Amino acid sequence: MAEAAGHAGSPGPGVAPAGEGAELAAVIGATVPTGFELMAAEEVQEKLGSTSRISRDRGKIYFEVPAQGLPQVHRLRSVDNLFVVVQEFKDYQFKETKEDALKDLEDLVKKLPWNDPLKVWELNNSLKKKKTKRKKHNPQSTVRKEKLNSDGEDKEVDQKDSKEEEDYAQDTAGVEPADGQDTEKTPEVASQNEEKEEEGNNEQSDAKDELQAGAGTETKADDSRTSDGEAKVLKFRVTCNRAGDKHSFTSNEAARDFGGAVQEHFQWKADMTNFDVEVLLNIHNNEVVVGIALTEESLHRRNITHFGPTTLRSTLAYGMLRLCDPQPTDIIIDPMCGTGAIPIEGATEWPSCYHIAGDNNPQAVKRAANNICSLLKKNENKESNTSPGVPLDIIQWDICNLPLRTGSVDIIVSDMPFGKRIGSKKKNWDLYPACLTEMGRICTPGTGRAVLLTQDKKCFAKALSRLGHIWRRAQTLWVNVGGLHASVYLLKRTWERAEEKRSFW
């Protein structure tokens, strides 16, 4: 297999070479909630002992692990999707004309070191538990479901805030481009252009066939075979994510031409939905990363089975909880819990703390309770013994009159109403000050802290300025929630005593 060397730009690390007797190691790329890259890097260091590098393209980190450590990688709580890096170019010099630039990408396919990444991909498949094949479903309905369920907030990207052109394309067989571009198609390979709705997060939620453990990989250098000796022709698709305004081509065109070269090189069959291998082509200005996906669908789809209009990603919930550094015996509450993503993630990852969830909407409380029941059933299936349960209670209450003692709570973590799908911007001007006041009352003076997410930054800043004697802003993270530019605020409770409204005991 030809090695990628001295191409267009300086190559970064790909897969660590595996000599004779050497353990196969891989550079893993992970997409994470934007704004929480450092938090994800800390988790990788803590749980895997690996140092991460944060990409200039927001929402991605890279780290090296032994291939045998893949099960631990999949258990990370802060990452959305995983892929093994084939090759990285930190300063790729694109040709000026579209034809030359695309021809350059085609030629790149033959020069990349595919062997070890494909071995990592095969090992990743062999480590997966056998599942029943999921039913095929309409990709459009998947996208619709994604819009409703992924982050819960409206996914209208404010074009005025976007400084870079971003587009997203998937290489597929026999599908016309969505925007009418690319009328010429290579044999059996075409591409579909979709708007990239969330910066830094590559959704992989289309229906896929279950990958067979140890499936043979037919390459030019190494003809792997199936157990019966027959070569298995794999199905593939190419997903291209491009960000930057200085490229002469679209992601649609890059996916089409790069995918055509992959098909010719490996003699694989292009297939949009029922594919075995997903090749990733990530282009961010002059940074180019080629990878192979290791996750079938985003890892943030855990714990939640009953979705509401605003369901927070589990990965973002984990990052918010980690930001406030929970300690054993801490009492942690989410006073506006929605479907319960934050308290469920908290009870799962910090079982030595006590978690309380609440909401004023009875339907939300019901969904959260159902999600807790689903979690308990899942835990029972994992363990032969009876599950001890989770340290979590859920209550219907009024956020402005919480049935909790003054100063009795250590940590508050909540996703506040953005004023779009729930509530309104106008109502937030009264709701936010009332919420912060009541949160200040129940939170322990001096040591209490709160981590709050909102997209209504102007209203929140005004409310916080009025309550500066109770809350001190310690840190602000700028995050992307479904295309909306939101903020996560870490607040510290001052020593000032809060005024008690009424006594419950």
Protein backbone atom coordinates (compact mmCIF):
# COMPACT_ATOMS: atom_id res chain seq x y z
CA MET A 1 0.00 0.00 0.00
CA ALA A 2 1.41 3.36 -0.94
CA GLU A 3 2.31 5.55 2.02
CA ALA A 4 1.06 9.15 2.18
CA ALA A 5 4.18 11.27 2.15
CA GLY A 6 5.18 14.67 0.87
CA HIS A 7 1.79 15.37 -0.71
CA ALA A 8 0.16 18.78 -0.54
CA GLY A 9 1.05 20.12 2.86
CA SER A 10 2.64 18.68 5.98
CA PRO A 11 0.99 15.46 7.15
CA GLY A 12 0.00 15.11 10.78
CA PRO A 13 -0.24 11.87 12.75
CA GLY A 14 -2.45 9.11 11.44
CA VAL A 15 -2.26 5.58 12.80
CA ALA A 16 0.85 4.71 14.73
CA PRO A 17 2.88 2.13 12.78
CA ALA A 18 2.47 -1.42 13.97
CA GLY A 19 5.75 -3.27 13.46
CA GLU A 20 6.28 -6.93 14.09
CA GLY A 21 5.20 -7.73 17.60
CA ALA A 22 4.19 -4.13 18.20
CA GLU A 23 0.70 -3.43 19.51
CA LEU A 24 -1.57 -1.71 17.02
CA ALA A 25 -2.22 1.86 18.09
CA ALA A 26 -4.54 4.42 16.58
CA VAL A 27 -5.12 8.14 16.60
CA ILE A 28 -8.78 8.58 17.46
CA GLY A 29 -10.78 11.64 16.49
CA ALA A 30 -13.84 12.53 18.53
CA THR A 31 -16.54 15.12 17.96
CA VAL A 32 -17.66 16.80 21.18
CA PRO A 33 -20.13 19.56 22.10
CA THR A 34 -18.57 22.83 20.97
CA GLY A 35 -17.22 24.79 23.89
CA PHE A 36 -16.53 21.63 25.90
CA GLU A 37 -13.34 20.53 24.11
CA LEU A 38 -11.16 21.10 27.20
CA MET A 39 -13.65 19.21 29.36
CA ALA A 40 -13.54 16.25 26.95
CA ALA A 41 -9.72 16.35 26.91
CA GLU A 42 -9.70 16.21 30.71
CA GLU A 43 -11.94 13.13 30.67
CA VAL A 44 -9.70 11.39 28.11
CA GLN A 45 -6.64 12.11 30.28
CA GLU A 46 -8.41 10.95 33.42
CA LYS A 47 -9.93 7.72 32.05
CA LEU A 48 -7.50 6.70 29.28
CA GLY A 49 -4.26 8.35 30.35
CA SER A 50 -3.91 9.93 26.88
CA THR A 51 -3.12 13.54 26.09
CA SER A 52 -5.57 15.14 23.66
CA ARG A 53 -5.01 17.75 21.01
CA ILE A 54 -7.85 20.16 20.38
CA SER A 55 -8.51 20.83 16.72
CA ARG A 56 -8.69 24.32 15.26
CA ASP A 57 -12.02 23.14 13.88
CA ARG A 58 -14.24 23.60 16.96
CA GLY A 59 -15.89 20.54 18.42
CA LYS A 60 -13.12 18.00 17.72
CA ILE A 61 -10.28 16.47 19.74
CA TYR A 62 -7.63 13.89 18.82
CA PHE A 63 -5.82 11.39 21.05
CA GLU A 64 -3.79 8.20 20.65
CA VAL A 65 -4.72 4.89 22.28
CA PRO A 66 -3.79 1.21 21.86
CA ALA A 67 -6.33 -0.46 19.59
CA GLN A 68 -7.24 -2.84 22.42
CA GLY A 69 -8.42 0.18 24.41
CA LEU A 70 -11.34 0.85 22.04
CA PRO A 71 -13.99 -0.42 24.52
CA GLN A 72 -12.87 2.24 27.03
CA VAL A 73 -12.99 4.87 24.28
CA HIS A 74 -16.63 4.03 23.58
CA ARG A 75 -17.41 4.52 27.27
CA LEU A 76 -16.33 8.16 27.27
CA ARG A 77 -19.26 10.36 28.32
CA SER A 78 -18.30 13.65 26.65
CA VAL A 79 -17.89 12.54 23.02
CA ASP A 80 -20.59 12.38 20.35
CA ASN A 81 -18.93 10.44 17.52
CA LEU A 82 -15.65 8.57 17.09
CA PHE A 83 -13.43 7.89 14.10
CA VAL A 84 -9.96 6.51 13.47
CA VAL A 85 -7.66 8.94 11.68
CA VAL A 86 -6.20 7.68 8.41
CA GLN A 87 -4.12 10.79 7.76
CA GLU A 88 -4.12 14.40 8.87
CA PHE A 89 -2.76 17.36 6.91
CA LYS A 90 -2.35 20.47 9.04
CA ASP A 91 -1.55 22.77 6.11
CA TYR A 92 -2.96 21.26 2.93
CA GLN A 93 -2.21 23.38 -0.12
CA PHE A 94 -5.28 23.24 -2.34
CA LYS A 95 -4.84 23.88 -6.05
CA GLU A 96 -6.38 27.11 -7.31
CA THR A 97 -8.83 25.79 -9.89
CA LYS A 98 -11.72 23.51 -9.02
CA GLU A 99 -10.67 20.82 -11.50
CA ASP A 100 -7.08 20.68 -10.19
CA ALA A 101 -8.18 20.73 -6.52
CA LEU A 102 -10.64 17.86 -7.02
CA LYS A 103 -8.12 15.87 -9.09
CA ASP A 104 -5.64 16.35 -6.23
CA LEU A 105 -8.16 14.88 -3.75
CA GLU A 106 -8.72 11.91 -6.07
CA ASP A 107 -4.98 11.25 -6.29
CA LEU A 108 -4.70 11.50 -2.51
CA VAL A 109 -6.74 8.32 -2.03
CA LYS A 110 -3.99 6.12 -3.50
CA LYS A 111 -1.32 7.68 -1.26
CA LEU A 112 -3.06 7.28 2.10
CA PRO A 113 -1.98 4.60 4.64
CA TRP A 114 -5.29 2.71 4.80
CA ASN A 115 -4.08 -0.67 6.16
CA ASP A 116 -3.78 0.01 9.90
CA PRO A 117 -6.92 2.20 10.16
CA LEU A 118 -8.91 -0.57 8.46
CA LYS A 119 -7.49 -3.08 10.95
CA VAL A 120 -8.67 -0.78 13.76
CA TRP A 121 -12.08 -0.55 12.09
CA GLU A 122 -12.29 -4.37 11.90
CA LEU A 123 -11.25 -4.70 15.55
CA ASN A 124 -13.86 -2.10 16.51
CA ASN A 125 -16.53 -4.21 14.80
CA SER A 126 -15.40 -7.41 16.49
CA LEU A 127 -15.73 -5.73 19.89
CA LYS A 128 -19.34 -4.70 19.31
CA LYS A 129 -22.09 -6.74 20.84
CA LYS A 130 -24.21 -8.56 18.30
CA LYS A 131 -27.43 -6.71 17.67
CA THR A 132 -30.44 -7.50 15.59
CA LYS A 133 -30.43 -5.60 12.33
CA ARG A 134 -32.34 -2.37 12.53
CA LYS A 135 -35.15 -1.82 10.10
CA LYS A 136 -34.43 0.44 7.16
CA HIS A 137 -36.10 3.79 7.39
CA ASN A 138 -36.44 6.90 5.33
CA PRO A 139 -33.37 9.17 5.69
CA GLN A 140 -35.65 12.21 5.51
CA SER A 141 -37.66 11.00 8.48
CA THR A 142 -34.37 10.42 10.31
CA VAL A 143 -33.33 14.00 9.68
CA ARG A 144 -36.75 15.19 10.87
CA LYS A 145 -36.45 13.09 14.03
CA GLU A 146 -32.95 14.46 14.56
CA LYS A 147 -34.28 18.00 14.36
CA LEU A 148 -36.92 17.26 16.97
CA ASN A 149 -34.87 15.19 19.37
CA SER A 150 -31.17 16.00 19.29
CA ASP A 151 -30.92 19.25 21.22
CA GLY A 152 -34.51 20.27 21.59
CA GLU A 153 -34.10 23.85 20.47
CA ASP A 154 -34.90 25.37 17.09
CA LYS A 155 -32.20 24.55 14.55
CA GLU A 156 -32.33 27.78 12.60
CA VAL A 157 -28.76 28.93 12.14
CA ASP A 158 -28.37 32.67 12.35
CA GLN A 159 -26.60 33.43 9.08
CA LYS A 160 -25.50 36.85 10.35
CA ASP A 161 -23.44 35.17 13.08
CA SER A 162 -21.82 32.71 10.74
CA LYS A 163 -18.46 33.96 9.51
CA GLU A 164 -17.48 30.86 7.61
CA GLU A 165 -19.32 29.03 4.88
CA GLU A 166 -20.07 25.49 5.99
CA ASP A 167 -21.57 22.70 3.99
CA TYR A 168 -22.15 19.05 4.36
CA ALA A 169 -22.34 16.30 1.76
CA GLN A 170 -22.73 12.56 1.71
CA ASP A 171 -21.50 10.41 -1.12
CA THR A 172 -24.17 7.97 -2.22
CA ALA A 173 -25.25 5.83 -5.13
CA GLY A 174 -27.76 7.11 -7.65
CA VAL A 175 -29.10 10.08 -5.68
CA GLU A 176 -29.45 13.50 -7.27
CA PRO A 177 -27.89 16.43 -5.37
CA ALA A 178 -30.45 18.16 -3.18
CA ASP A 179 -29.61 21.64 -4.40
CA GLY A 180 -29.46 20.80 -8.10
CA GLN A 181 -25.68 20.95 -8.31
CA ASP A 182 -23.38 18.29 -9.72
CA THR A 183 -25.58 17.05 -12.53
CA GLU A 184 -22.72 14.93 -13.82
CA LYS A 185 -22.28 11.72 -11.84
CA THR A 186 -19.41 9.26 -11.77
CA PRO A 187 -20.46 5.61 -12.39
CA GLU A 188 -22.53 4.37 -9.47
CA VAL A 189 -21.38 7.29 -7.35
CA ALA A 190 -23.25 10.52 -6.80
CA SER A 191 -23.64 12.84 -3.87
CA GLN A 192 -26.34 14.49 -1.83
CA ASN A 193 -25.78 17.90 -0.34
CA GLU A 194 -27.33 18.70 3.01
CA GLU A 195 -26.96 21.80 5.10
CA LYS A 196 -24.67 21.23 8.04
CA GLU A 197 -26.92 22.16 10.95
CA GLU A 198 -24.59 21.82 13.89
CA GLU A 199 -21.01 23.04 13.97
CA GLY A 200 -18.52 20.40 15.03
CA ASN A 201 -20.99 17.54 15.34
CA ASN A 202 -21.28 14.94 12.56
CA GLU A 203 -24.56 13.10 12.95
CA GLN A 204 -24.46 9.43 11.92
CA SER A 205 -28.04 8.41 12.55
CA ASP A 206 -29.04 6.87 9.20
CA ALA A 207 -30.11 3.23 9.25
CA LYS A 208 -27.17 0.87 8.79
CA ASP A 209 -26.85 -2.90 8.60
CA GLU A 210 -25.17 -4.49 11.59
CA LEU A 211 -21.49 -4.86 10.78
CA GLN A 212 -20.28 -8.45 11.04
CA ALA A 213 -17.41 -9.10 13.43
CA GLY A 214 -14.11 -9.38 11.62
CA ALA A 215 -15.59 -8.67 8.19
CA GLY A 216 -12.96 -9.03 5.48
CA THR A 217 -11.60 -5.89 3.86
CA GLU A 218 -10.83 -6.18 0.20
CA THR A 219 -7.90 -3.91 -0.63
CA LYS A 220 -5.34 -3.87 -3.38
CA ALA A 221 -2.49 -4.68 -1.02
CA ASP A 222 -4.23 -7.21 1.19
CA ASP A 223 -7.16 -9.33 0.01
CA SER A 224 -8.90 -10.27 3.26
CA ARG A 225 -11.39 -13.10 2.99
CA THR A 226 -14.53 -14.13 4.79
CA SER A 227 -14.64 -17.38 6.78
CA ASP A 228 -15.74 -19.38 3.75
CA GLY A 229 -12.85 -18.08 1.68
CA GLU A 230 -14.87 -15.77 -0.56
CA ALA A 231 -13.92 -12.13 -0.83
CA LYS A 232 -16.48 -9.82 0.73
CA VAL A 233 -17.19 -6.65 -1.23
CA LEU A 234 -17.89 -3.94 1.31
CA LYS A 235 -20.44 -1.17 0.90
CA PHE A 236 -19.35 2.35 1.72
CA ARG A 237 -20.22 6.01 1.67
CA VAL A 238 -18.12 9.16 1.94
CA THR A 239 -19.20 11.96 4.28
CA CYS A 240 -17.56 15.33 3.67
CA ASN A 241 -17.69 18.22 6.13
CA ARG A 242 -16.19 21.44 4.82
CA ALA A 243 -15.78 24.81 6.57
CA GLY A 244 -14.11 27.84 5.04
CA ASP A 245 -14.72 30.34 2.25
CA LYS A 246 -11.50 29.95 0.27
CA HIS A 247 -12.21 26.59 -1.36
CA SER A 248 -12.97 26.42 -5.09
CA PHE A 249 -15.27 23.40 -4.61
CA THR A 250 -18.27 22.42 -2.52
CA SER A 251 -18.38 19.54 -0.06
CA ASN A 252 -20.80 17.90 -2.48
CA GLU A 253 -18.15 17.90 -5.20
CA ALA A 254 -15.37 16.80 -2.86
CA ALA A 255 -17.45 13.87 -1.58
CA ARG A 256 -18.36 12.83 -5.11
CA ASP A 257 -14.83 12.83 -6.52
CA PHE A 258 -13.08 11.53 -3.42
CA GLY A 259 -15.74 8.81 -3.15
CA GLY A 260 -15.23 7.83 -6.77
CA ALA A 261 -11.51 7.39 -6.14
CA VAL A 262 -12.19 5.31 -3.00
CA GLN A 263 -14.52 3.07 -4.99
CA GLU A 264 -11.95 2.58 -7.73
CA HIS A 265 -9.12 1.97 -5.25
CA PHE A 266 -10.87 -0.63 -3.09
CA GLN A 267 -13.46 -1.93 -5.55
CA TRP A 268 -16.09 -1.31 -2.89
CA LYS A 269 -19.74 -0.66 -3.69
CA ALA A 270 -21.22 2.77 -2.94
CA ASP A 271 -24.37 2.70 -0.81
CA MET A 272 -25.97 5.63 1.00
CA THR A 273 -27.81 3.82 3.78
CA ASN A 274 -26.81 0.17 4.05
CA PHE A 275 -23.06 0.71 4.18
CA ASP A 276 -20.34 -1.12 6.10
CA VAL A 277 -17.67 1.59 6.00
CA GLU A 278 -18.14 5.33 6.36
CA VAL A 279 -15.13 7.29 5.13
CA LEU A 280 -14.90 10.82 6.55
CA LEU A 281 -13.34 13.76 4.72
CA ASN A 282 -13.14 16.75 7.07
CA ILE A 283 -11.90 20.01 5.56
CA HIS A 284 -11.52 23.11 7.73
CA ASN A 285 -9.75 25.89 5.84
CA ASN A 286 -6.32 24.31 5.13
CA GLU A 287 -6.69 21.51 7.68
CA VAL A 288 -7.68 18.16 6.11
CA VAL A 289 -8.42 14.98 8.03
CA VAL A 290 -9.36 11.65 6.46
CA GLY A 291 -10.89 9.10 8.82
CA ILE A 292 -13.07 6.01 9.15
CA ALA A 293 -16.13 6.20 11.42
CA LEU A 294 -16.22 3.94 14.49
CA THR A 295 -19.70 4.85 15.72
CA GLU A 296 -22.96 3.96 14.00
CA GLU A 297 -24.92 6.69 15.69
CA SER A 298 -24.02 9.51 18.02
CA LEU A 299 -23.07 8.44 21.55
CA HIS A 300 -25.19 11.28 22.96
CA ARG A 301 -28.27 9.12 22.30
CA ARG A 302 -27.95 7.33 25.61
CA ASN A 303 -30.28 7.12 28.60
CA ILE A 304 -33.13 8.99 26.87
CA THR A 305 -35.99 6.95 25.40
CA HIS A 306 -38.87 9.41 25.83
CA PHE A 307 -38.17 12.70 24.05
CA GLY A 308 -39.81 16.07 24.52
CA PRO A 309 -39.73 19.34 22.56
CA THR A 310 -36.45 20.29 24.28
CA THR A 311 -34.26 17.26 24.98
CA LEU A 312 -30.67 18.08 25.90
CA ARG A 313 -27.82 15.95 24.58
CA SER A 314 -26.46 13.57 27.22
CA THR A 315 -22.91 14.61 26.25
CA LEU A 316 -23.70 18.28 26.89
CA ALA A 317 -25.42 17.36 30.16
CA TYR A 318 -22.27 15.49 31.23
CA GLY A 319 -20.08 18.47 30.39
CA MET A 320 -22.27 20.83 32.40
CA LEU A 321 -22.21 18.52 35.41
CA ARG A 322 -18.46 18.02 35.20
CA LEU A 323 -17.97 21.79 35.06
CA CYS A 324 -19.34 22.17 38.59
CA ASP A 325 -17.04 19.42 40.00
CA PRO A 326 -19.51 17.31 42.03
CA GLN A 327 -18.17 15.84 45.27
CA PRO A 328 -19.45 12.78 47.20
CA THR A 329 -22.66 13.48 49.20
CA ASP A 330 -23.39 16.68 47.24
CA ILE A 331 -27.08 17.42 46.67
CA ILE A 332 -27.58 18.31 43.00
CA ILE A 333 -30.85 19.57 41.57
CA ASP A 334 -32.20 20.43 38.13
CA PRO A 335 -35.24 22.64 38.80
CA MET A 336 -36.26 22.70 35.09
CA CYS A 337 -35.40 19.13 34.15
CA GLY A 338 -37.54 18.61 31.04
CA THR A 339 -37.05 14.97 30.00
CA GLY A 340 -34.42 14.48 32.69
CA ALA A 341 -31.20 14.35 30.64
CA ILE A 342 -29.12 16.22 33.26
CA PRO A 343 -30.23 14.40 36.46
CA ILE A 344 -30.16 10.99 34.73
CA GLU A 345 -26.63 11.61 33.49
CA GLY A 346 -25.70 12.87 36.95
CA ALA A 347 -27.14 9.86 38.78
CA THR A 348 -25.36 7.52 36.36
CA GLU A 349 -21.93 9.13 36.52
CA TRP A 350 -21.97 10.54 40.08
CA PRO A 351 -23.90 7.91 42.09
CA SER A 352 -22.33 9.09 45.35
CA CYS A 353 -24.30 12.34 45.05
CA TYR A 354 -28.04 12.74 45.59
CA HIS A 355 -29.95 14.11 42.59
CA ILE A 356 -33.36 15.81 42.53
CA ALA A 357 -35.19 16.67 39.32
CA GLY A 358 -38.26 18.82 38.97
CA ASP A 359 -40.40 20.66 36.44
CA ASN A 360 -43.66 22.60 36.46
CA ASN A 361 -44.98 20.72 33.42
CA PRO A 362 -46.65 17.43 34.38
CA GLN A 363 -45.98 16.00 30.91
CA ALA A 364 -42.25 16.70 31.30
CA VAL A 365 -42.24 15.04 34.73
CA LYS A 366 -43.94 12.00 33.22
CA ARG A 367 -41.35 11.76 30.41
CA ALA A 368 -38.49 12.10 32.87
CA ALA A 369 -40.00 9.40 35.09
CA ASN A 370 -40.31 7.09 32.07
CA ASN A 371 -36.67 7.73 31.18
CA ILE A 372 -35.65 6.85 34.74
CA CYS A 373 -37.65 3.61 34.51
CA SER A 374 -35.96 2.76 31.21
CA LEU A 375 -32.57 3.35 32.82
CA LEU A 376 -33.43 1.06 35.73
CA LYS A 377 -34.53 -1.70 33.34
CA LYS A 378 -31.30 -1.32 31.37
CA ASN A 379 -29.27 -1.60 34.56
CA GLU A 380 -31.18 -4.74 35.56
CA ASN A 381 -30.40 -6.33 32.20
CA LYS A 382 -26.70 -5.58 32.61
CA GLU A 383 -26.46 -7.08 36.08
CA SER A 384 -27.63 -10.52 37.14
CA ASN A 385 -28.41 -9.26 40.61
CA THR A 386 -31.27 -6.90 41.33
CA SER A 387 -30.34 -3.34 40.44
CA PRO A 388 -29.93 -1.14 43.55
CA GLY A 389 -31.65 1.74 41.77
CA VAL A 390 -30.37 5.26 41.18
CA PRO A 391 -30.00 8.14 43.67
CA LEU A 392 -32.60 10.26 41.93
CA ASP A 393 -36.04 11.62 42.74
CA ILE A 394 -38.35 13.61 40.50
CA ILE A 395 -41.01 16.10 41.61
CA GLN A 396 -43.48 18.46 39.99
CA TRP A 397 -42.93 21.93 41.39
CA ASP A 398 -42.89 25.66 40.74
CA ILE A 399 -39.39 26.93 39.96
CA CYS A 400 -40.14 30.20 41.74
CA ASN A 401 -41.34 28.45 44.95
CA LEU A 402 -39.22 25.34 45.41
CA PRO A 403 -40.16 23.01 48.31
CA LEU A 404 -36.55 22.92 49.55
CA ARG A 405 -34.91 24.28 52.69
CA THR A 406 -32.91 27.51 52.45
CA GLY A 407 -29.22 26.75 51.82
CA SER A 408 -29.81 23.00 51.48
CA VAL A 409 -28.52 22.46 47.92
CA ASP A 410 -24.88 22.20 46.86
CA ILE A 411 -25.18 22.33 43.06
CA ILE A 412 -27.81 23.50 40.56
CA VAL A 413 -27.47 22.41 36.92
CA SER A 414 -30.19 23.31 34.44
CA ASP A 415 -31.06 24.03 30.83
CA MET A 416 -33.12 27.21 31.05
CA PRO A 417 -35.95 28.02 28.59
CA PHE A 418 -34.54 29.71 25.50
CA GLY A 419 -37.87 31.40 24.82
CA LYS A 420 -38.34 29.63 21.50
CA ARG A 421 -40.03 26.23 21.75
CA ILE A 422 -40.83 26.70 25.42
CA GLY A 423 -41.89 30.02 26.87
CA SER A 424 -41.02 33.29 25.16
CA LYS A 425 -38.28 35.91 25.21
CA LYS A 426 -40.75 38.32 26.79
CA LYS A 427 -41.60 35.94 29.64
CA ASN A 428 -37.89 35.34 30.30
CA TRP A 429 -37.48 38.93 31.52
CA ASP A 430 -39.63 38.04 34.53
CA LEU A 431 -38.71 34.33 34.75
CA TYR A 432 -34.91 34.62 34.82
CA PRO A 433 -34.63 37.03 37.80
CA ALA A 434 -37.22 35.00 39.72
CA CYS A 435 -35.34 31.75 38.97
CA LEU A 436 -31.95 33.13 40.00
CA THR A 437 -33.44 34.56 43.19
CA GLU A 438 -35.00 31.24 44.23
CA MET A 439 -31.88 29.32 43.22
CA GLY A 440 -29.85 31.67 45.39
CA ARG A 441 -32.15 30.98 48.34
CA ILE A 442 -31.81 27.18 48.24
CA CYS A 443 -28.09 27.13 47.34
CA THR A 444 -25.48 26.90 50.13
CA PRO A 445 -23.84 30.32 50.70
CA GLY A 446 -20.10 30.43 50.00
CA THR A 447 -19.71 26.93 48.56
CA GLY A 448 -22.77 26.48 46.32
CA ARG A 449 -22.50 26.70 42.56
CA ALA A 450 -24.76 26.66 39.55
CA VAL A 451 -24.22 25.76 35.88
CA LEU A 452 -26.91 27.19 33.64
CA LEU A 453 -27.40 26.95 29.87
CA THR A 454 -29.31 29.57 27.89
CA GLN A 455 -29.44 31.11 24.45
CA ASP A 456 -31.20 34.24 25.75
CA LYS A 457 -27.88 35.79 26.79
CA LYS A 458 -29.07 39.39 26.94
CA CYS A 459 -31.88 38.61 29.34
CA PHE A 460 -29.65 36.38 31.49
CA ALA A 461 -26.90 39.01 31.74
CA LYS A 462 -29.45 41.62 32.86
CA ALA A 463 -30.93 39.30 35.49
CA LEU A 464 -27.47 38.37 36.76
CA SER A 465 -26.45 42.03 37.10
CA ARG A 466 -29.48 42.62 39.33
CA LEU A 467 -28.48 39.68 41.55
CA GLY A 468 -24.74 40.24 41.74
CA HIS A 469 -24.92 40.20 45.54
CA ILE A 470 -26.04 36.53 45.43
CA TRP A 471 -24.32 35.11 42.34
CA ARG A 472 -20.81 35.71 41.00
CA ARG A 473 -20.04 34.63 37.43
CA ALA A 474 -16.92 32.44 37.45
CA GLN A 475 -16.78 31.16 33.88
CA THR A 476 -18.63 31.36 30.55
CA LEU A 477 -18.48 28.79 27.76
CA TRP A 478 -19.80 29.59 24.29
CA VAL A 479 -21.57 26.54 22.92
CA ASN A 480 -23.53 25.55 19.83
CA VAL A 481 -26.90 23.98 20.54
CA GLY A 482 -28.56 22.81 17.37
CA GLY A 483 -27.21 25.75 15.39
CA LEU A 484 -28.10 28.26 18.10
CA HIS A 485 -25.31 30.27 19.71
CA ALA A 486 -25.82 29.65 23.42
CA SER A 487 -23.82 30.06 26.61
CA VAL A 488 -23.10 27.94 29.66
CA TYR A 489 -22.54 30.00 32.81
CA LEU A 490 -20.71 28.73 35.90
CA LEU A 491 -21.94 30.76 38.88
CA LYS A 492 -20.59 30.76 42.43
CA ARG A 493 -22.84 31.48 45.39
CA THR A 494 -21.67 34.42 47.50
CA TRP A 495 -21.77 34.45 51.31
CA GLU A 496 -24.70 36.87 51.24
CA ARG A 497 -27.76 35.47 52.97
CA ALA A 498 -30.77 35.13 50.71
CA GLU A 499 -34.14 36.43 51.73
CA GLU A 500 -36.48 33.61 52.73
CA LYS A 501 -39.87 33.74 51.05
CA ARG A 502 -41.67 31.22 53.19
CA SER A 503 -41.02 28.19 55.32
CA PHE A 504 -42.05 24.69 54.28
CA TRP A 505 -41.46 23.16 57.70
